[in-house]
Amino acid sequence: MNSCEGRSLEEQIVERMSALGLTLTTVESCTGGMAASRIVNVSGASEVLMQGIVTYSNEAKTRLVGVREETLRAHGAVSPETAREMAEGGVRFGRTDLALATTGIAGPGGGTPEKPVGLVYIAVSDGTRTEVRKLNLAGDRLAVRTQAAEAVFGLLWDTFLTEEQTVR
């Protein structure tokens, strides 16, 4: 889902979450606050977005949202396990209904054969159910970050905000 009636996905998310009385925390690494910024651009965002947390370092991931040091040692910051713990920690520490998380390698440096530039993991959680997706994105640093933010909005929508979904 990209847009409906000319409205951005973030506009639809704010409208739907507000109608359902739901709150959101963003926990971002590679997107560096881009998802939160896009939500804040929408009128009425203050009814939905409680906080945006940028956890760029491993220490911040551990301290701010409870990512386990064991997870980071075993799997690294760019992993499905870390993305899951970031999203679940966002709900728990942020005391919100939902949280989204992004972690990845935006480039142009930092990639390895096992974890190349453009590898991103996104996650959304309601504290009980967590969905994680692996993305292999192309483009420059800004393109990777922009695509990751759009993808995590899509995952949030598809997992928790469609008419068929029930969060509470």
C-alpha atoms as a PDB file:
ATOM      1  CA  MET A   1       0.000   0.000   0.000  1.00  0.00           C
ATOM      2  CA  ASN A   2       1.584   3.292  -1.054  1.00  0.00           C
ATOM      3  CA  SER A   3      -1.097   5.916  -1.185  1.00  0.00           C
ATOM      4  CA  CYS A   4      -4.835   6.123  -1.142  1.00  0.00           C
ATOM      5  CA  GLU A   5      -6.642   9.076  -2.648  1.00  0.00           C
ATOM      6  CA  GLY A   6      -3.368  10.980  -2.967  1.00  0.00           C
ATOM      7  CA  ARG A   7      -2.494  10.630   0.711  1.00  0.00           C
ATOM      8  CA  SER A   8       0.889   9.399   1.880  1.00  0.00           C
ATOM      9  CA  LEU A   9       1.226   6.210   3.843  1.00  0.00           C
ATOM     10  CA  GLU A  10       2.230   8.158   6.936  1.00  0.00           C
ATOM     11  CA  GLU A  11      -0.929  10.271   6.650  1.00  0.00           C
ATOM     12  CA  GLN A  12      -3.011   7.111   6.481  1.00  0.00           C
ATOM     13  CA  ILE A  13      -1.142   5.627   9.452  1.00  0.00           C
ATOM     14  CA  VAL A  14      -1.731   8.698  11.628  1.00  0.00           C
ATOM     15  CA  GLU A  15      -5.397   8.816  10.646  1.00  0.00           C
ATOM     16  CA  ARG A  16      -5.972   5.105  11.293  1.00  0.00           C
ATOM     17  CA  MET A  17      -4.024   4.967  14.558  1.00  0.00           C
ATOM     18  CA  SER A  18      -5.778   8.079  15.821  1.00  0.00           C
ATOM     19  CA  ALA A  19      -9.189   6.580  14.960  1.00  0.00           C
ATOM     20  CA  LEU A  20      -8.241   3.392  16.830  1.00  0.00           C
ATOM     21  CA  GLY A  21      -6.754   5.290  19.792  1.00  0.00           C
ATOM     22  CA  LEU A  22      -3.334   3.679  19.288  1.00  0.00           C
ATOM     23  CA  THR A  23       0.091   5.082  20.136  1.00  0.00           C
ATOM     24  CA  LEU A  24       3.464   4.550  18.459  1.00  0.00           C
ATOM     25  CA  THR A  25       7.168   4.529  19.288  1.00  0.00           C
ATOM     26  CA  THR A  26       9.788   4.539  16.546  1.00  0.00           C
ATOM     27  CA  VAL A  27      13.155   2.900  17.225  1.00  0.00           C
ATOM     28  CA  GLU A  28      15.537   3.693  14.410  1.00  0.00           C
ATOM     29  CA  SER A  29      19.126   2.964  13.596  1.00  0.00           C
ATOM     30  CA  CYS A  30      19.919   3.205   9.870  1.00  0.00           C
ATOM     31  CA  THR A  31      17.004   5.557   9.169  1.00  0.00           C
ATOM     32  CA  GLY A  32      18.244   7.930  11.873  1.00  0.00           C
ATOM     33  CA  GLY A  33      14.840   9.348  12.783  1.00  0.00           C
ATOM     34  CA  MET A  34      13.501   9.573   9.231  1.00  0.00           C
ATOM     35  CA  ALA A  35      10.397   7.507  10.026  1.00  0.00           C
ATOM     36  CA  ALA A  36       9.579   9.637  13.067  1.00  0.00           C
ATOM     37  CA  SER A  37      10.174  12.797  11.039  1.00  0.00           C
ATOM     38  CA  ARG A  38       7.778  11.645   8.342  1.00  0.00           C
ATOM     39  CA  ILE A  39       5.098  10.899  10.947  1.00  0.00           C
ATOM     40  CA  VAL A  40       5.666  14.311  12.565  1.00  0.00           C
ATOM     41  CA  ASN A  41       5.048  15.964   9.182  1.00  0.00           C
ATOM     42  CA  VAL A  42       1.412  14.831   9.438  1.00  0.00           C
ATOM     43  CA  SER A  43      -1.132  17.009  11.208  1.00  0.00           C
ATOM     44  CA  GLY A  44      -2.448  15.107  14.231  1.00  0.00           C
ATOM     45  CA  ALA A  45       0.794  13.178  14.750  1.00  0.00           C
ATOM     46  CA  SER A  46       0.900  14.226  18.406  1.00  0.00           C
ATOM     47  CA  GLU A  47      -2.112  12.002  19.053  1.00  0.00           C
ATOM     48  CA  VAL A  48      -0.179   8.980  17.809  1.00  0.00           C
ATOM     49  CA  LEU A  49       3.601   9.381  18.079  1.00  0.00           C
ATOM     50  CA  MET A  50       4.757   9.351  21.678  1.00  0.00           C
ATOM     51  CA  GLN A  51       8.497   9.271  20.979  1.00  0.00           C
ATOM     52  CA  GLY A  52      11.092   8.587  18.352  1.00  0.00           C
ATOM     53  CA  ILE A  53      14.290   6.953  19.552  1.00  0.00           C
ATOM     54  CA  VAL A  54      17.446   6.880  17.441  1.00  0.00           C
ATOM     55  CA  THR A  55      19.580   3.975  18.625  1.00  0.00           C
ATOM     56  CA  TYR A  56      22.521   4.335  16.283  1.00  0.00           C
ATOM     57  CA  SER A  57      25.081   2.700  18.571  1.00  0.00           C
ATOM     58  CA  ASN A  58      24.908  -0.739  20.124  1.00  0.00           C
ATOM     59  CA  GLU A  59      25.131   0.885  23.550  1.00  0.00           C
ATOM     60  CA  ALA A  60      22.033   2.963  22.796  1.00  0.00           C
ATOM     61  CA  LYS A  61      20.155  -0.108  21.576  1.00  0.00           C
ATOM     62  CA  THR A  62      20.902  -1.811  24.889  1.00  0.00           C
ATOM     63  CA  ARG A  63      20.375   1.158  27.193  1.00  0.00           C
ATOM     64  CA  LEU A  64      17.317   2.755  25.577  1.00  0.00           C
ATOM     65  CA  VAL A  65      15.258  -0.223  24.381  1.00  0.00           C
ATOM     66  CA  GLY A  66      16.746  -3.263  26.078  1.00  0.00           C
ATOM     67  CA  VAL A  67      18.415  -5.057  23.181  1.00  0.00           C
ATOM     68  CA  ARG A  68      20.407  -7.780  24.883  1.00  0.00           C
ATOM     69  CA  GLU A  69      24.189  -7.597  24.666  1.00  0.00           C
ATOM     70  CA  GLU A  70      24.132 -11.343  23.959  1.00  0.00           C
ATOM     71  CA  THR A  71      21.987 -10.697  20.878  1.00  0.00           C
ATOM     72  CA  LEU A  72      24.376  -8.062  19.581  1.00  0.00           C
ATOM     73  CA  ARG A  73      27.417 -10.298  20.187  1.00  0.00           C
ATOM     74  CA  ALA A  74      25.847 -13.356  18.592  1.00  0.00           C
ATOM     75  CA  HIS A  75      24.026 -11.763  15.654  1.00  0.00           C
ATOM     76  CA  GLY A  76      25.232  -8.177  15.298  1.00  0.00           C
ATOM     77  CA  ALA A  77      23.325  -4.912  15.131  1.00  0.00           C
ATOM     78  CA  VAL A  78      22.086  -5.676  11.621  1.00  0.00           C
ATOM     79  CA  SER A  79      20.098  -8.844  12.191  1.00  0.00           C
ATOM     80  CA  PRO A  80      16.508 -10.014  12.472  1.00  0.00           C
ATOM     81  CA  GLU A  81      17.072 -10.756  16.151  1.00  0.00           C
ATOM     82  CA  THR A  82      18.190  -7.191  16.888  1.00  0.00           C
ATOM     83  CA  ALA A  83      15.334  -5.684  14.858  1.00  0.00           C
ATOM     84  CA  ARG A  84      12.861  -7.825  16.827  1.00  0.00           C
ATOM     85  CA  GLU A  85      14.287  -6.765  20.188  1.00  0.00           C
ATOM     86  CA  MET A  86      14.316  -3.107  19.108  1.00  0.00           C
ATOM     87  CA  ALA A  87      10.608  -3.188  18.199  1.00  0.00           C
ATOM     88  CA  GLU A  88       9.602  -5.144  21.290  1.00  0.00           C
ATOM     89  CA  GLY A  89      11.682  -2.828  23.463  1.00  0.00           C
ATOM     90  CA  GLY A  90      10.023   0.162  21.819  1.00  0.00           C
ATOM     91  CA  VAL A  91       6.617  -1.029  22.998  1.00  0.00           C
ATOM     92  CA  ARG A  92       7.887  -1.944  26.468  1.00  0.00           C
ATOM     93  CA  PHE A  93      10.122   1.050  27.214  1.00  0.00           C
ATOM     94  CA  GLY A  94       7.994   3.521  25.251  1.00  0.00           C
ATOM     95  CA  ARG A  95       4.784   2.274  26.861  1.00  0.00           C
ATOM     96  CA  THR A  96       2.945   2.448  23.546  1.00  0.00           C
ATOM     97  CA  ASP A  97       0.580   0.144  21.699  1.00  0.00           C
ATOM     98  CA  LEU A  98       2.895  -0.304  18.724  1.00  0.00           C
ATOM     99  CA  ALA A  99       6.527   0.190  17.806  1.00  0.00           C
ATOM    100  CA  LEU A 100       8.487   0.041  14.594  1.00  0.00           C
ATOM    101  CA  ALA A 101      12.212  -0.540  14.215  1.00  0.00           C
ATOM    102  CA  THR A 102      14.871  -0.234  11.522  1.00  0.00           C
ATOM    103  CA  THR A 103      18.458  -1.469  11.512  1.00  0.00           C
ATOM    104  CA  GLY A 104      20.728  -1.841   8.531  1.00  0.00           C
ATOM    105  CA  ILE A 105      23.683  -0.765   6.440  1.00  0.00           C
ATOM    106  CA  ALA A 106      22.895   2.387   4.462  1.00  0.00           C
ATOM    107  CA  GLY A 107      26.379   2.715   2.946  1.00  0.00           C
ATOM    108  CA  PRO A 108      28.325   3.621   1.054  1.00  0.00           C
ATOM    109  CA  GLY A 109      30.777   1.898   3.427  1.00  0.00           C
ATOM    110  CA  GLY A 110      30.289  -0.600   6.209  1.00  0.00           C
ATOM    111  CA  GLY A 111      29.158  -3.550   4.143  1.00  0.00           C
ATOM    112  CA  THR A 112      30.696  -7.018   4.122  1.00  0.00           C
ATOM    113  CA  PRO A 113      30.070 -10.041   1.884  1.00  0.00           C
ATOM    114  CA  GLU A 114      27.788 -11.473   4.590  1.00  0.00           C
ATOM    115  CA  LYS A 115      26.067  -8.157   5.297  1.00  0.00           C
ATOM    116  CA  PRO A 116      26.259  -5.957   2.209  1.00  0.00           C
ATOM    117  CA  VAL A 117      25.318  -2.302   1.871  1.00  0.00           C
ATOM    118  CA  GLY A 118      21.548  -2.118   1.499  1.00  0.00           C
ATOM    119  CA  LEU A 119      20.822  -4.944   3.936  1.00  0.00           C
ATOM    120  CA  VAL A 120      18.110  -3.696   6.289  1.00  0.00           C
ATOM    121  CA  TYR A 121      15.880  -5.415   8.820  1.00  0.00           C
ATOM    122  CA  ILE A 122      12.592  -3.820   9.776  1.00  0.00           C
ATOM    123  CA  ALA A 123      10.222  -4.874  12.532  1.00  0.00           C
ATOM    124  CA  VAL A 124       6.889  -3.904  14.031  1.00  0.00           C
ATOM    125  CA  SER A 125       5.478  -5.096  17.335  1.00  0.00           C
ATOM    126  CA  ASP A 126       2.474  -4.748  19.601  1.00  0.00           C
ATOM    127  CA  GLY A 127       4.385  -6.357  22.468  1.00  0.00           C
ATOM    128  CA  THR A 128       2.757  -9.726  21.865  1.00  0.00           C
ATOM    129  CA  ARG A 129       3.197 -10.212  18.141  1.00  0.00           C
ATOM    130  CA  THR A 130       6.278  -9.073  16.239  1.00  0.00           C
ATOM    131  CA  GLU A 131       6.838  -9.172  12.488  1.00  0.00           C
ATOM    132  CA  VAL A 132      10.350  -8.861  11.039  1.00  0.00           C
ATOM    133  CA  ARG A 133      11.335  -8.464   7.385  1.00  0.00           C
ATOM    134  CA  LYS A 134      14.675  -8.591   5.600  1.00  0.00           C
ATOM    135  CA  LEU A 135      15.230  -6.040   2.846  1.00  0.00           C
ATOM    136  CA  ASN A 136      17.957  -5.843   0.236  1.00  0.00           C
ATOM    137  CA  LEU A 137      17.792  -2.244  -0.940  1.00  0.00           C
ATOM    138  CA  ALA A 138      19.667  -0.469  -3.711  1.00  0.00           C
ATOM    139  CA  GLY A 139      20.824   3.071  -4.192  1.00  0.00           C
ATOM    140  CA  ASP A 140      22.833   5.640  -2.307  1.00  0.00           C
ATOM    141  CA  ARG A 141      22.659   6.227   1.440  1.00  0.00           C
ATOM    142  CA  LEU A 142      19.589   8.471   1.262  1.00  0.00           C
ATOM    143  CA  ALA A 143      17.784   6.071  -1.071  1.00  0.00           C
ATOM    144  CA  VAL A 144      18.384   3.120   1.274  1.00  0.00           C
ATOM    145  CA  ARG A 145      17.183   5.112   4.281  1.00  0.00           C
ATOM    146  CA  THR A 146      14.101   6.412   2.430  1.00  0.00           C
ATOM    147  CA  GLN A 147      13.158   2.954   1.151  1.00  0.00           C
ATOM    148  CA  ALA A 148      13.604   1.465   4.624  1.00  0.00           C
ATOM    149  CA  ALA A 149      11.292   4.070   6.192  1.00  0.00           C
ATOM    150  CA  GLU A 150       8.656   3.454   3.516  1.00  0.00           C
ATOM    151  CA  ALA A 151       8.954  -0.314   3.969  1.00  0.00           C
ATOM    152  CA  VAL A 152       8.533  -0.197   7.735  1.00  0.00           C
ATOM    153  CA  PHE A 153       5.407   1.951   7.284  1.00  0.00           C
ATOM    154  CA  GLY A 154       4.061  -0.666   4.888  1.00  0.00           C
ATOM    155  CA  LEU A 155       4.811  -3.449   7.362  1.00  0.00           C
ATOM    156  CA  LEU A 156       3.119  -1.505  10.169  1.00  0.00           C
ATOM    157  CA  TRP A 157       0.048  -0.941   8.013  1.00  0.00           C
ATOM    158  CA  ASP A 158      -0.188  -4.493   6.695  1.00  0.00           C
ATOM    159  CA  THR A 159       0.428  -6.119  10.088  1.00  0.00           C
ATOM    160  CA  PHE A 160      -1.668  -4.018  12.453  1.00  0.00           C
ATOM    161  CA  LEU A 161      -3.723  -1.312  10.747  1.00  0.00           C
ATOM    162  CA  THR A 162      -5.771  -2.822   7.917  1.00  0.00           C
ATOM    163  CA  GLU A 163      -9.498  -3.252   8.385  1.00  0.00           C
ATOM    164  CA  GLU A 164      -8.954  -6.973   8.935  1.00  0.00           C
ATOM    165  CA  GLN A 165      -6.416  -6.485  11.747  1.00  0.00           C
ATOM    166  CA  THR A 166      -7.264  -6.139  15.409  1.00  0.00           C
ATOM    167  CA  VAL A 167      -4.625  -4.702  17.715  1.00  0.00           C
ATOM    168  CA  ARG A 168      -6.449  -4.690  21.012  1.00  0.00           C
END
